PDB file of N, CA and C in Angstrom:
ATOM      1  N   MET A   1     -18.573 -15.307 -26.323  1.00  0.00           N
ATOM      2  CA  MET A   1     -17.661 -14.326 -26.919  1.00  0.00           C
ATOM      3  C   MET A   1     -16.121 -14.960 -26.738  1.00  0.00           C
ATOM      4  N   GLN A   2     -15.554 -14.829 -27.891  1.00  0.00           N
ATOM      5  CA  GLN A   2     -14.160 -15.323 -27.912  1.00  0.00           C
ATOM      6  C   GLN A   2     -13.021 -14.165 -27.599  1.00  0.00           C
ATOM      7  N   PHE A   3     -12.077 -14.384 -26.884  1.00  0.00           N
ATOM      8  CA  PHE A   3     -11.053 -13.389 -26.411  1.00  0.00           C
ATOM      9  C   PHE A   3      -9.631 -13.994 -26.686  1.00  0.00           C
ATOM     10  N   LEU A   4      -8.777 -13.148 -27.280  1.00  0.00           N
ATOM     11  CA  LEU A   4      -7.414 -13.374 -27.274  1.00  0.00           C
ATOM     12  C   LEU A   4      -6.631 -12.845 -26.057  1.00  0.00           C
ATOM     13  N   ILE A   5      -5.998 -13.615 -25.302  1.00  0.00           N
ATOM     14  CA  ILE A   5      -5.222 -13.100 -24.160  1.00  0.00           C
ATOM     15  C   ILE A   5      -3.780 -13.226 -24.538  1.00  0.00           C
ATOM     16  N   VAL A   6      -2.989 -12.026 -24.671  1.00  0.00           N
ATOM     17  CA  VAL A   6      -1.685 -12.091 -24.806  1.00  0.00           C
ATOM     18  C   VAL A   6      -1.030 -11.616 -23.564  1.00  0.00           C
ATOM     19  N   ALA A   7      -0.161 -12.237 -22.843  1.00  0.00           N
ATOM     20  CA  ALA A   7       0.282 -11.978 -21.423  1.00  0.00           C
ATOM     21  C   ALA A   7       1.740 -12.189 -21.447  1.00  0.00           C
ATOM     22  N   TYR A   8       2.534 -10.952 -21.146  1.00  0.00           N
ATOM     23  CA  TYR A   8       4.064 -11.171 -21.085  1.00  0.00           C
ATOM     24  C   TYR A   8       4.499 -11.292 -19.569  1.00  0.00           C
ATOM     25  N   ASP A   9       5.406 -12.139 -19.315  1.00  0.00           N
ATOM     26  CA  ASP A   9       5.838 -12.269 -17.797  1.00  0.00           C
ATOM     27  C   ASP A   9       6.640 -11.060 -17.395  1.00  0.00           C
ATOM     28  N   ALA A  10       6.717 -10.900 -16.146  1.00  0.00           N
ATOM     29  CA  ALA A  10       7.457  -9.843 -15.524  1.00  0.00           C
ATOM     30  C   ALA A  10       8.902 -10.296 -15.880  1.00  0.00           C
ATOM     31  N   GLU A  11       9.815  -9.374 -15.794  1.00  0.00           N
ATOM     32  CA  GLU A  11      11.277  -9.449 -16.205  1.00  0.00           C
ATOM     33  C   GLU A  11      12.159  -9.490 -15.069  1.00  0.00           C
ATOM     34  N   ASP A  12      11.617  -9.389 -13.811  1.00  0.00           N
ATOM     35  CA  ASP A  12      12.537  -9.344 -12.615  1.00  0.00           C
ATOM     36  C   ASP A  12      13.316 -10.713 -12.542  1.00  0.00           C
ATOM     37  N   ASP A  13      14.282 -10.830 -11.622  1.00  0.00           N
ATOM     38  CA  ASP A  13      15.175 -12.041 -11.509  1.00  0.00           C
ATOM     39  C   ASP A  13      14.295 -13.159 -10.928  1.00  0.00           C
ATOM     40  N   GLU A  14      13.257 -12.903 -10.245  1.00  0.00           N
ATOM     41  CA  GLU A  14      12.454 -14.093  -9.756  1.00  0.00           C
ATOM     42  C   GLU A  14      11.153 -14.485 -10.733  1.00  0.00           C
ATOM     43  N   ALA A  15      11.098 -13.868 -11.785  1.00  0.00           N
ATOM     44  CA  ALA A  15       9.919 -14.071 -12.649  1.00  0.00           C
ATOM     45  C   ALA A  15       9.817 -15.479 -13.162  1.00  0.00           C
ATOM     46  N   LEU A  16      10.945 -16.101 -13.606  1.00  0.00           N
ATOM     47  CA  LEU A  16      10.813 -17.507 -13.987  1.00  0.00           C
ATOM     48  C   LEU A  16      10.506 -18.427 -12.906  1.00  0.00           C
ATOM     49  N   ALA A  17      11.062 -18.172 -11.610  1.00  0.00           N
ATOM     50  CA  ALA A  17      10.717 -19.089 -10.476  1.00  0.00           C
ATOM     51  C   ALA A  17       9.270 -18.994 -10.191  1.00  0.00           C
ATOM     52  N   ARG A  18       8.707 -17.692 -10.187  1.00  0.00           N
ATOM     53  CA  ARG A  18       7.240 -17.625  -9.879  1.00  0.00           C
ATOM     54  C   ARG A  18       6.456 -18.269 -10.914  1.00  0.00           C
ATOM     55  N   ARG A  19       6.825 -18.258 -12.294  1.00  0.00           N
ATOM     56  CA  ARG A  19       6.175 -18.925 -13.211  1.00  0.00           C
ATOM     57  C   ARG A  19       6.266 -20.522 -12.954  1.00  0.00           C
ATOM     58  N   MET A  20       7.322 -21.066 -12.686  1.00  0.00           N
ATOM     59  CA  MET A  20       7.428 -22.430 -12.428  1.00  0.00           C
ATOM     60  C   MET A  20       6.715 -22.843 -11.180  1.00  0.00           C
ATOM     61  N   ALA A  21       6.660 -22.097 -10.145  1.00  0.00           N
ATOM     62  CA  ALA A  21       5.941 -22.327  -8.922  1.00  0.00           C
ATOM     63  C   ALA A  21       4.482 -22.346  -9.136  1.00  0.00           C
ATOM     64  N   ALA A  22       3.839 -21.480 -10.002  1.00  0.00           N
ATOM     65  CA  ALA A  22       2.450 -21.492 -10.403  1.00  0.00           C
ATOM     66  C   ALA A  22       2.054 -22.242 -11.523  1.00  0.00           C
ATOM     67  N   ARG A  23       2.902 -23.001 -12.126  1.00  0.00           N
ATOM     68  CA  ARG A  23       2.538 -23.493 -13.409  1.00  0.00           C
ATOM     69  C   ARG A  23       1.638 -24.693 -13.272  1.00  0.00           C
ATOM     70  N   ASP A  24       1.741 -25.662 -12.361  1.00  0.00           N
ATOM     71  CA  ASP A  24       0.911 -26.781 -12.041  1.00  0.00           C
ATOM     72  C   ASP A  24      -0.547 -26.138 -11.826  1.00  0.00           C
ATOM     73  N   ALA A  25      -0.660 -25.126 -10.932  1.00  0.00           N
ATOM     74  CA  ALA A  25      -2.022 -24.698 -10.564  1.00  0.00           C
ATOM     75  C   ALA A  25      -2.540 -23.980 -11.964  1.00  0.00           C
ATOM     76  N   HIS A  26      -1.750 -23.249 -12.704  1.00  0.00           N
ATOM     77  CA  HIS A  26      -2.246 -22.672 -14.015  1.00  0.00           C
ATOM     78  C   HIS A  26      -2.632 -23.825 -14.870  1.00  0.00           C
ATOM     79  N   LEU A  27      -1.876 -24.910 -15.044  1.00  0.00           N
ATOM     80  CA  LEU A  27      -2.348 -25.885 -15.893  1.00  0.00           C
ATOM     81  C   LEU A  27      -3.631 -26.671 -15.480  1.00  0.00           C
ATOM     82  N   LYS A  28      -3.907 -26.897 -14.285  1.00  0.00           N
ATOM     83  CA  LYS A  28      -5.066 -27.452 -13.582  1.00  0.00           C
ATOM     84  C   LYS A  28      -6.289 -26.636 -14.002  1.00  0.00           C
ATOM     85  N   LEU A  29      -6.018 -25.276 -13.958  1.00  0.00           N
ATOM     86  CA  LEU A  29      -7.286 -24.374 -14.215  1.00  0.00           C
ATOM     87  C   LEU A  29      -7.341 -24.327 -15.655  1.00  0.00           C
ATOM     88  N   VAL A  30      -6.458 -24.376 -16.463  1.00  0.00           N
ATOM     89  CA  VAL A  30      -6.522 -24.689 -18.047  1.00  0.00           C
ATOM     90  C   VAL A  30      -7.385 -25.837 -18.268  1.00  0.00           C
ATOM     91  N   GLU A  31      -6.977 -26.980 -17.520  1.00  0.00           N
ATOM     92  CA  GLU A  31      -7.848 -28.193 -17.849  1.00  0.00           C
ATOM     93  C   GLU A  31      -9.307 -28.081 -17.456  1.00  0.00           C
ATOM     94  N   LYS A  32      -9.501 -27.439 -16.278  1.00  0.00           N
ATOM     95  CA  LYS A  32     -10.908 -27.256 -15.795  1.00  0.00           C
ATOM     96  C   LYS A  32     -11.696 -26.385 -16.831  1.00  0.00           C
ATOM     97  N   ASN A  33     -11.003 -25.313 -17.327  1.00  0.00           N
ATOM     98  CA  ASN A  33     -11.715 -24.352 -18.265  1.00  0.00           C
ATOM     99  C   ASN A  33     -11.900 -25.107 -19.490  1.00  0.00           C
ATOM    100  N   LYS A  34     -10.943 -25.938 -20.027  1.00  0.00           N
ATOM    101  CA  LYS A  34     -10.947 -26.632 -21.258  1.00  0.00           C
ATOM    102  C   LYS A  34     -12.228 -27.675 -21.249  1.00  0.00           C
ATOM    103  N   ALA A  35     -12.322 -28.315 -19.993  1.00  0.00           N
ATOM    104  CA  ALA A  35     -13.568 -29.198 -19.912  1.00  0.00           C
ATOM    105  C   ALA A  35     -14.876 -28.508 -19.880  1.00  0.00           C
ATOM    106  N   ALA A  36     -14.849 -27.207 -19.435  1.00  0.00           N
ATOM    107  CA  ALA A  36     -15.960 -26.365 -19.548  1.00  0.00           C
ATOM    108  C   ALA A  36     -16.244 -25.728 -20.841  1.00  0.00           C
ATOM    109  N   GLY A  37     -15.339 -25.836 -21.712  1.00  0.00           N
ATOM    110  CA  GLY A  37     -15.432 -25.290 -23.075  1.00  0.00           C
ATOM    111  C   GLY A  37     -14.902 -23.862 -23.043  1.00  0.00           C
ATOM    112  N   HIS A  38     -14.218 -23.319 -22.192  1.00  0.00           N
ATOM    113  CA  HIS A  38     -13.699 -21.945 -22.121  1.00  0.00           C
ATOM    114  C   HIS A  38     -12.433 -21.932 -22.750  1.00  0.00           C
ATOM    115  N   ALA A  39     -11.462 -22.823 -22.395  1.00  0.00           N
ATOM    116  CA  ALA A  39     -10.190 -22.621 -22.986  1.00  0.00           C
ATOM    117  C   ALA A  39     -10.112 -23.356 -24.187  1.00  0.00           C
ATOM    118  N   ARG A  40      -9.993 -22.510 -25.327  1.00  0.00           N
ATOM    119  CA  ARG A  40      -9.865 -23.153 -26.792  1.00  0.00           C
ATOM    120  C   ARG A  40      -8.706 -23.620 -27.052  1.00  0.00           C
ATOM    121  N   PHE A  41      -7.494 -22.820 -26.966  1.00  0.00           N
ATOM    122  CA  PHE A  41      -6.036 -23.194 -27.307  1.00  0.00           C
ATOM    123  C   PHE A  41      -5.274 -22.131 -26.600  1.00  0.00           C
ATOM    124  N   GLY A  42      -3.997 -22.594 -26.506  1.00  0.00           N
ATOM    125  CA  GLY A  42      -2.940 -21.614 -25.904  1.00  0.00           C
ATOM    126  C   GLY A  42      -1.479 -22.067 -26.204  1.00  0.00           C
ATOM    127  N   ALA A  43      -0.605 -21.220 -25.825  1.00  0.00           N
ATOM    128  CA  ALA A  43       0.796 -21.492 -26.087  1.00  0.00           C
ATOM    129  C   ALA A  43       1.592 -20.637 -25.188  1.00  0.00           C
ATOM    130  N   ALA A  44       2.727 -21.115 -24.840  1.00  0.00           N
ATOM    131  CA  ALA A  44       3.861 -20.433 -24.161  1.00  0.00           C
ATOM    132  C   ALA A  44       4.529 -19.411 -25.259  1.00  0.00           C
ATOM    133  N   LEU A  45       4.756 -18.322 -24.936  1.00  0.00           N
ATOM    134  CA  LEU A  45       5.445 -17.417 -25.672  1.00  0.00           C
ATOM    135  C   LEU A  45       6.958 -17.598 -25.428  1.00  0.00           C
ATOM    136  N   MET A  46       7.882 -17.680 -26.406  1.00  0.00           N
ATOM    137  CA  MET A  46       9.190 -18.027 -26.184  1.00  0.00           C
ATOM    138  C   MET A  46      10.146 -16.989 -26.810  1.00  0.00           C
ATOM    139  N   ASP A  47      11.356 -16.871 -26.021  1.00  0.00           N
ATOM    140  CA  ASP A  47      12.363 -16.155 -26.678  1.00  0.00           C
ATOM    141  C   ASP A  47      13.548 -17.252 -26.607  1.00  0.00           C
ATOM    142  N   GLY A  48      13.863 -17.837 -27.710  1.00  0.00           N
ATOM    143  CA  GLY A  48      14.676 -18.934 -27.645  1.00  0.00           C
ATOM    144  C   GLY A  48      14.162 -20.194 -26.814  1.00  0.00           C
ATOM    145  N   ASP A  49      14.922 -20.479 -25.814  1.00  0.00           N
ATOM    146  CA  ASP A  49      14.514 -21.721 -24.911  1.00  0.00           C
ATOM    147  C   ASP A  49      13.862 -21.108 -23.748  1.00  0.00           C
ATOM    148  N   LYS A  50      13.716 -19.849 -23.668  1.00  0.00           N
ATOM    149  CA  LYS A  50      13.002 -19.137 -22.419  1.00  0.00           C
ATOM    150  C   LYS A  50      11.438 -18.787 -22.523  1.00  0.00           C
ATOM    151  N   MET A  51      10.708 -19.269 -21.617  1.00  0.00           N
ATOM    152  CA  MET A  51       9.168 -18.846 -21.681  1.00  0.00           C
ATOM    153  C   MET A  51       9.307 -17.409 -21.139  1.00  0.00           C
ATOM    154  N   VAL A  52       8.483 -16.618 -22.001  1.00  0.00           N
ATOM    155  CA  VAL A  52       8.515 -15.145 -21.645  1.00  0.00           C
ATOM    156  C   VAL A  52       6.999 -14.591 -21.511  1.00  0.00           C
ATOM    157  N   GLY A  53       5.989 -15.574 -21.670  1.00  0.00           N
ATOM    158  CA  GLY A  53       4.678 -15.209 -21.648  1.00  0.00           C
ATOM    159  C   GLY A  53       3.723 -16.303 -22.105  1.00  0.00           C
ATOM    160  N   SER A  54       2.497 -15.921 -22.342  1.00  0.00           N
ATOM    161  CA  SER A  54       1.580 -16.895 -22.715  1.00  0.00           C
ATOM    162  C   SER A  54       0.559 -16.180 -23.717  1.00  0.00           C
ATOM    163  N   MET A  55      -0.019 -17.173 -24.427  1.00  0.00           N
ATOM    164  CA  MET A  55      -1.231 -16.534 -25.293  1.00  0.00           C
ATOM    165  C   MET A  55      -2.264 -17.742 -25.206  1.00  0.00           C
ATOM    166  N   MET A  56      -3.515 -17.227 -25.106  1.00  0.00           N
ATOM    167  CA  MET A  56      -4.616 -18.036 -24.999  1.00  0.00           C
ATOM    168  C   MET A  56      -5.847 -17.608 -25.859  1.00  0.00           C
ATOM    169  N   VAL A  57      -6.621 -18.446 -26.344  1.00  0.00           N
ATOM    170  CA  VAL A  57      -7.893 -18.019 -26.843  1.00  0.00           C
ATOM    171  C   VAL A  57      -8.806 -18.720 -25.964  1.00  0.00           C
ATOM    172  N   VAL A  58      -9.789 -17.858 -25.432  1.00  0.00           N
ATOM    173  CA  VAL A  58     -10.827 -18.325 -24.587  1.00  0.00           C
ATOM    174  C   VAL A  58     -12.260 -18.164 -25.010  1.00  0.00           C
ATOM    175  N   ASP A  59     -13.293 -18.640 -24.455  1.00  0.00           N
ATOM    176  CA  ASP A  59     -14.583 -18.460 -24.800  1.00  0.00           C
ATOM    177  C   ASP A  59     -15.369 -18.481 -23.603  1.00  0.00           C
ATOM    178  N   TYR A  60     -15.907 -17.094 -23.285  1.00  0.00           N
ATOM    179  CA  TYR A  60     -16.822 -16.891 -22.220  1.00  0.00           C
ATOM    180  C   TYR A  60     -18.020 -16.203 -22.592  1.00  0.00           C
ATOM    181  N   PRO A  61     -19.151 -16.235 -21.928  1.00  0.00           N
ATOM    182  CA  PRO A  61     -20.505 -15.564 -22.284  1.00  0.00           C
ATOM    183  C   PRO A  61     -20.341 -14.070 -22.273  1.00  0.00           C
ATOM    184  N   SER A  62     -19.354 -13.587 -21.505  1.00  0.00           N
ATOM    185  CA  SER A  62     -19.269 -12.025 -21.349  1.00  0.00           C
ATOM    186  C   SER A  62     -17.886 -11.691 -20.812  1.00  0.00           C
ATOM    187  N   ARG A  63     -17.634 -10.331 -20.981  1.00  0.00           N
ATOM    188  CA  ARG A  63     -16.180  -9.968 -20.545  1.00  0.00           C
ATOM    189  C   ARG A  63     -16.347 -10.028 -19.096  1.00  0.00           C
ATOM    190  N   GLU A  64     -17.372  -9.949 -18.395  1.00  0.00           N
ATOM    191  CA  GLU A  64     -17.509 -10.156 -16.882  1.00  0.00           C
ATOM    192  C   GLU A  64     -17.068 -11.570 -16.556  1.00  0.00           C
ATOM    193  N   ALA A  65     -17.635 -12.510 -17.305  1.00  0.00           N
ATOM    194  CA  ALA A  65     -17.172 -13.987 -16.968  1.00  0.00           C
ATOM    195  C   ALA A  65     -15.744 -14.154 -17.221  1.00  0.00           C
ATOM    196  N   LEU A  66     -15.072 -13.488 -18.273  1.00  0.00           N
ATOM    197  CA  LEU A  66     -13.781 -13.466 -18.435  1.00  0.00           C
ATOM    198  C   LEU A  66     -13.079 -12.987 -17.246  1.00  0.00           C
ATOM    199  N   GLU A  67     -13.416 -11.848 -16.850  1.00  0.00           N
ATOM    200  CA  GLU A  67     -12.633 -11.202 -15.628  1.00  0.00           C
ATOM    201  C   GLU A  67     -12.731 -12.178 -14.395  1.00  0.00           C
ATOM    202  N   GLU A  68     -13.869 -12.944 -14.174  1.00  0.00           N
ATOM    203  CA  GLU A  68     -13.897 -13.890 -13.075  1.00  0.00           C
ATOM    204  C   GLU A  68     -12.742 -14.908 -13.320  1.00  0.00           C
ATOM    205  N   TRP A  69     -12.553 -15.414 -14.428  1.00  0.00           N
ATOM    206  CA  TRP A  69     -11.402 -16.443 -14.629  1.00  0.00           C
ATOM    207  C   TRP A  69     -10.168 -15.683 -14.505  1.00  0.00           C
ATOM    208  N   LEU A  70     -10.009 -14.450 -14.895  1.00  0.00           N
ATOM    209  CA  LEU A  70      -8.664 -13.739 -14.792  1.00  0.00           C
ATOM    210  C   LEU A  70      -8.315 -13.571 -13.342  1.00  0.00           C
ATOM    211  N   ASN A  71      -9.478 -13.369 -12.541  1.00  0.00           N
ATOM    212  CA  ASN A  71      -9.232 -13.111 -10.988  1.00  0.00           C
ATOM    213  C   ASN A  71      -8.738 -14.248 -10.189  1.00  0.00           C
ATOM    214  N   GLU A  72      -8.968 -15.537 -10.902  1.00  0.00           N
ATOM    215  CA  GLU A  72      -8.543 -16.682 -10.193  1.00  0.00           C
ATOM    216  C   GLU A  72      -7.269 -17.371 -10.846  1.00  0.00           C
ATOM    217  N   GLU A  73      -6.855 -16.690 -11.967  1.00  0.00           N
ATOM    218  CA  GLU A  73      -5.718 -17.273 -12.787  1.00  0.00           C
ATOM    219  C   GLU A  73      -4.481 -17.137 -11.913  1.00  0.00           C
ATOM    220  N   PRO A  74      -3.765 -18.254 -11.640  1.00  0.00           N
ATOM    221  CA  PRO A  74      -2.430 -18.379 -10.930  1.00  0.00           C
ATOM    222  C   PRO A  74      -1.415 -17.465 -11.245  1.00  0.00           C
ATOM    223  N   TYR A  75      -1.296 -17.326 -12.712  1.00  0.00           N
ATOM    224  CA  TYR A  75      -0.272 -16.654 -13.195  1.00  0.00           C
ATOM    225  C   TYR A  75      -0.571 -15.119 -12.886  1.00  0.00           C
ATOM    226  N   ILE A  76      -1.684 -14.481 -12.648  1.00  0.00           N
ATOM    227  CA  ILE A  76      -2.055 -13.290 -12.355  1.00  0.00           C
ATOM    228  C   ILE A  76      -1.807 -13.189 -10.817  1.00  0.00           C
ATOM    229  N   ILE A  77      -2.430 -14.128 -10.043  1.00  0.00           N
ATOM    230  CA  ILE A  77      -2.370 -14.070  -8.583  1.00  0.00           C
ATOM    231  C   ILE A  77      -0.941 -14.006  -8.088  1.00  0.00           C
ATOM    232  N   GLU A  78       0.004 -14.834  -8.703  1.00  0.00           N
ATOM    233  CA  GLU A  78       1.356 -14.929  -8.280  1.00  0.00           C
ATOM    234  C   GLU A  78       2.273 -14.045  -9.068  1.00  0.00           C
ATOM    235  N   ASP A  79       1.827 -12.917  -9.790  1.00  0.00           N
ATOM    236  CA  ASP A  79       2.591 -11.915 -10.389  1.00  0.00           C
ATOM    237  C   ASP A  79       3.536 -12.529 -11.444  1.00  0.00           C
ATOM    238  N   VAL A  80       3.078 -13.545 -12.060  1.00  0.00           N
ATOM    239  CA  VAL A  80       3.840 -13.986 -13.147  1.00  0.00           C
ATOM    240  C   VAL A  80       3.669 -13.159 -14.445  1.00  0.00           C
ATOM    241  N   TRP A  81       2.380 -12.943 -14.940  1.00  0.00           N
ATOM    242  CA  TRP A  81       2.134 -12.152 -15.868  1.00  0.00           C
ATOM    243  C   TRP A  81       2.136 -10.666 -15.526  1.00  0.00           C
ATOM    244  N   ASP A  82       2.858  -9.923 -16.224  1.00  0.00           N
ATOM    245  CA  ASP A  82       3.061  -8.452 -15.819  1.00  0.00           C
ATOM    246  C   ASP A  82       2.374  -7.614 -16.975  1.00  0.00           C
ATOM    247  N   ASP A  83       2.208  -7.953 -18.107  1.00  0.00           N
ATOM    248  CA  ASP A  83       1.479  -7.172 -19.207  1.00  0.00           C
ATOM    249  C   ASP A  83       0.536  -8.063 -19.885  1.00  0.00           C
ATOM    250  N   VAL A  84      -0.763  -7.765 -19.590  1.00  0.00           N
ATOM    251  CA  VAL A  84      -1.782  -8.631 -20.118  1.00  0.00           C
ATOM    252  C   VAL A  84      -2.798  -7.739 -21.054  1.00  0.00           C
ATOM    253  N   THR A  85      -2.906  -8.284 -22.318  1.00  0.00           N
ATOM    254  CA  THR A  85      -3.760  -7.588 -23.147  1.00  0.00           C
ATOM    255  C   THR A  85      -4.919  -8.545 -23.615  1.00  0.00           C
ATOM    256  N   VAL A  86      -6.168  -8.076 -23.525  1.00  0.00           N
ATOM    257  CA  VAL A  86      -7.326  -8.877 -23.896  1.00  0.00           C
ATOM    258  C   VAL A  86      -8.023  -8.274 -25.094  1.00  0.00           C
ATOM    259  N   SER A  87      -8.332  -9.053 -26.099  1.00  0.00           N
ATOM    260  CA  SER A  87      -8.952  -8.505 -27.199  1.00  0.00           C
ATOM    261  C   SER A  87      -9.961  -9.448 -27.744  1.00  0.00           C
ATOM    262  N   GLU A  88     -11.116  -8.953 -28.006  1.00  0.00           N
ATOM    263  CA  GLU A  88     -12.343  -9.835 -28.598  1.00  0.00           C
ATOM    264  C   GLU A  88     -11.675 -10.351 -29.981  1.00  0.00           C
ATOM    265  N   CYS A  89     -12.093 -11.669 -30.119  1.00  0.00           N
ATOM    266  CA  CYS A  89     -11.636 -12.203 -31.445  1.00  0.00           C
ATOM    267  C   CYS A  89     -12.751 -13.334 -31.950  1.00  0.00           C
ATOM    268  N   LYS A  90     -12.458 -13.733 -33.060  1.00  0.00           N
ATOM    269  CA  LYS A  90     -13.368 -14.871 -33.531  1.00  0.00           C
ATOM    270  C   LYS A  90     -12.519 -15.827 -34.265  1.00  0.00           C
ATOM    271  N   ILE A  91     -12.593 -17.055 -33.824  1.00  0.00           N
ATOM    272  CA  ILE A  91     -11.868 -18.202 -34.376  1.00  0.00           C
ATOM    273  C   ILE A  91     -12.452 -18.361 -35.849  1.00  0.00           C
ATOM    274  N   ALA A  92     -11.580 -18.520 -36.755  1.00  0.00           N
ATOM    275  CA  ALA A  92     -12.154 -18.751 -38.139  1.00  0.00           C
ATOM    276  C   ALA A  92     -12.671 -20.051 -38.212  1.00  0.00           C
ATOM    277  N   PRO A  93     -13.808 -20.221 -39.085  1.00  0.00           N
ATOM    278  CA  PRO A  93     -14.324 -21.535 -39.130  1.00  0.00           C
ATOM    279  C   PRO A  93     -13.562 -22.683 -39.594  1.00  0.00           C
ATOM    280  N   SER A  94     -12.562 -22.357 -40.329  1.00  0.00           N
ATOM    281  CA  SER A  94     -11.672 -23.362 -40.844  1.00  0.00           C
ATOM    282  C   SER A  94     -10.729 -23.901 -39.886  1.00  0.00           C
ATOM    283  N   PHE A  95     -10.673 -23.303 -38.643  1.00  0.00           N
ATOM    284  CA  PHE A  95      -9.791 -23.764 -37.469  1.00  0.00           C
ATOM    285  C   PHE A  95     -10.720 -24.444 -36.371  1.00  0.00           C
ATOM    286  N   GLU A  96     -11.881 -24.320 -36.517  1.00  0.00           N
ATOM    287  CA  GLU A  96     -12.949 -25.028 -35.682  1.00  0.00           C
ATOM    288  C   GLU A  96     -12.834 -26.602 -35.971  1.00  0.00           C
ATOM    289  N   LYS A  97     -13.071 -27.304 -34.886  1.00  0.00           N
ATOM    290  CA  LYS A  97     -13.115 -28.740 -35.033  1.00  0.00           C
ATOM    291  C   LYS A  97     -14.592 -29.118 -35.589  1.00  0.00           C
TER     292      LYS A  97
END
């Protein structure tokens, strides 16, 4: 099952510092999930030059498997992402490799 994750960062004064502190761990987990075929693509959400969130399309066998990843995602553990929306989606065949 494919899922679209849209996650906006917290807006408190320390939010960007938390993002930057958790970024390496987040990117390592993305690479692990990419190698396993789960992370399909993603991007930082921007407001000008400022990162304000993330979007990812992921592929997991079930919603429960997706939740297992979310439970270990550094941006969730470190309170970077404040507003997370998960929607089932399907990548159009023209965008598949």
